[in-house]
Amino acid sequence: MPSPSMEGPETLSLRLTGMSCAHCVRAVREALGSIDGLRVDDVTVGEARVAVDAPGTWETLEPKVRAALEDAGYPLAS
């Protein structure tokens, strides 16, 4: 199961698969932006940088993030 790498107390870098263009970036930004408690800092082809509102809440947000990305067609990389 892939997990994000912690780059700070609240910031995560998520590696994604299936992305190749600006449309993909926009779709990922919209999918992640719909999740309460998550702030989208940056999205590029293959990666999204996000922050959680409160430290330690990634465990509860991860299933929602994973589902939103899979629904959008860009799952987390393994």
C-alpha atoms as a PDB file:
ATOM      1  CA  MET A   1       0.000   0.000   0.000  1.00  0.00           C
ATOM      2  CA  PRO A   2       1.594   3.298  -1.025  1.00  0.00           C
ATOM      3  CA  SER A   3       1.899   6.031   1.522  1.00  0.00           C
ATOM      4  CA  PRO A   4       2.776   9.678   1.154  1.00  0.00           C
ATOM      5  CA  SER A   5       6.152  10.962   2.218  1.00  0.00           C
ATOM      6  CA  MET A   6       6.038  13.485   5.010  1.00  0.00           C
ATOM      7  CA  GLU A   7       7.852  16.690   4.093  1.00  0.00           C
ATOM      8  CA  GLY A   8       6.832  18.630   7.176  1.00  0.00           C
ATOM      9  CA  PRO A   9       4.417  18.309  10.026  1.00  0.00           C
ATOM     10  CA  GLU A  10       1.344  18.727   7.809  1.00  0.00           C
ATOM     11  CA  THR A  11       2.522  18.635   4.172  1.00  0.00           C
ATOM     12  CA  LEU A  12       2.429  15.465   2.083  1.00  0.00           C
ATOM     13  CA  SER A  13       3.701  14.619  -1.367  1.00  0.00           C
ATOM     14  CA  LEU A  14       1.520  12.100  -3.194  1.00  0.00           C
ATOM     15  CA  ARG A  15       2.832  10.226  -6.234  1.00  0.00           C
ATOM     16  CA  LEU A  16       0.111   9.546  -8.794  1.00  0.00           C
ATOM     17  CA  THR A  17      -0.204   7.343 -11.858  1.00  0.00           C
ATOM     18  CA  GLY A  18      -1.942   7.890 -15.164  1.00  0.00           C
ATOM     19  CA  MET A  19      -1.302  11.627 -15.476  1.00  0.00           C
ATOM     20  CA  SER A  20       0.066  13.121 -18.695  1.00  0.00           C
ATOM     21  CA  CYS A  21      -1.370  16.604 -19.312  1.00  0.00           C
ATOM     22  CA  ALA A  22      -2.947  19.780 -17.962  1.00  0.00           C
ATOM     23  CA  HIS A  23      -6.404  18.136 -18.026  1.00  0.00           C
ATOM     24  CA  CYS A  24      -5.096  15.450 -15.652  1.00  0.00           C
ATOM     25  CA  VAL A  25      -3.657  18.097 -13.341  1.00  0.00           C
ATOM     26  CA  ARG A  26      -6.995  19.942 -13.267  1.00  0.00           C
ATOM     27  CA  ALA A  27      -8.935  16.718 -12.584  1.00  0.00           C
ATOM     28  CA  VAL A  28      -6.651  15.778  -9.687  1.00  0.00           C
ATOM     29  CA  ARG A  29      -6.826  19.304  -8.240  1.00  0.00           C
ATOM     30  CA  GLU A  30     -10.641  19.174  -8.354  1.00  0.00           C
ATOM     31  CA  ALA A  31     -10.800  15.664  -6.849  1.00  0.00           C
ATOM     32  CA  LEU A  32      -8.505  16.558  -3.967  1.00  0.00           C
ATOM     33  CA  GLY A  33     -10.091  19.974  -3.498  1.00  0.00           C
ATOM     34  CA  SER A  34     -13.430  18.345  -2.719  1.00  0.00           C
ATOM     35  CA  ILE A  35     -12.085  16.709   0.462  1.00  0.00           C
ATOM     36  CA  ASP A  36     -12.755  18.570   3.707  1.00  0.00           C
ATOM     37  CA  GLY A  37      -9.684  18.895   5.892  1.00  0.00           C
ATOM     38  CA  LEU A  38      -7.262  18.759   2.959  1.00  0.00           C
ATOM     39  CA  ARG A  39      -5.599  21.738   1.261  1.00  0.00           C
ATOM     40  CA  VAL A  40      -4.155  21.342  -2.231  1.00  0.00           C
ATOM     41  CA  ASP A  41      -0.833  23.203  -2.428  1.00  0.00           C
ATOM     42  CA  ASP A  42       0.337  22.140  -5.896  1.00  0.00           C
ATOM     43  CA  VAL A  43      -0.426  19.552  -8.560  1.00  0.00           C
ATOM     44  CA  THR A  44       1.936  18.607 -11.376  1.00  0.00           C
ATOM     45  CA  VAL A  45       1.969  15.611 -13.706  1.00  0.00           C
ATOM     46  CA  GLY A  46       2.607  12.630 -11.425  1.00  0.00           C
ATOM     47  CA  GLU A  47       2.540  14.430  -8.098  1.00  0.00           C
ATOM     48  CA  ALA A  48       0.276  16.379  -5.758  1.00  0.00           C
ATOM     49  CA  ARG A  49       1.419  18.320  -2.735  1.00  0.00           C
ATOM     50  CA  VAL A  50      -1.267  18.614  -0.106  1.00  0.00           C
ATOM     51  CA  ALA A  51      -1.553  19.669   3.521  1.00  0.00           C
ATOM     52  CA  VAL A  52      -3.865  18.420   6.221  1.00  0.00           C
ATOM     53  CA  ASP A  53      -5.683  20.945   8.392  1.00  0.00           C
ATOM     54  CA  ALA A  54      -4.658  19.253  11.635  1.00  0.00           C
ATOM     55  CA  PRO A  55      -1.550  17.140  12.301  1.00  0.00           C
ATOM     56  CA  GLY A  56      -2.278  13.460  12.709  1.00  0.00           C
ATOM     57  CA  THR A  57      -5.438  13.429  10.592  1.00  0.00           C
ATOM     58  CA  TRP A  58      -3.906  11.776   7.520  1.00  0.00           C
ATOM     59  CA  GLU A  59      -5.050   8.357   8.743  1.00  0.00           C
ATOM     60  CA  THR A  60      -8.694   9.428   8.530  1.00  0.00           C
ATOM     61  CA  LEU A  61      -8.237  11.355   5.276  1.00  0.00           C
ATOM     62  CA  GLU A  62      -6.228   8.724   3.388  1.00  0.00           C
ATOM     63  CA  PRO A  63      -9.208   6.500   2.428  1.00  0.00           C
ATOM     64  CA  LYS A  64     -11.094   9.556   1.147  1.00  0.00           C
ATOM     65  CA  VAL A  65      -8.051  10.758  -0.818  1.00  0.00           C
ATOM     66  CA  ARG A  66      -7.456   7.303  -2.261  1.00  0.00           C
ATOM     67  CA  ALA A  67     -11.125   6.955  -3.312  1.00  0.00           C
ATOM     68  CA  ALA A  68     -11.315  10.458  -4.830  1.00  0.00           C
ATOM     69  CA  LEU A  69      -8.157   9.878  -6.874  1.00  0.00           C
ATOM     70  CA  GLU A  70      -9.303   6.446  -8.054  1.00  0.00           C
ATOM     71  CA  ASP A  71     -12.706   7.870  -9.048  1.00  0.00           C
ATOM     72  CA  ALA A  72     -10.915  10.573 -11.039  1.00  0.00           C
ATOM     73  CA  GLY A  73      -8.770   7.904 -12.745  1.00  0.00           C
ATOM     74  CA  TYR A  74      -5.421   8.828 -11.173  1.00  0.00           C
ATOM     75  CA  PRO A  75      -4.661   6.407  -8.310  1.00  0.00           C
ATOM     76  CA  LEU A  76      -1.783   6.729  -5.892  1.00  0.00           C
ATOM     77  CA  ALA A  77       1.408   5.109  -7.173  1.00  0.00           C
ATOM     78  CA  SER A  78       2.550   1.959  -5.404  1.00  0.00           C
END
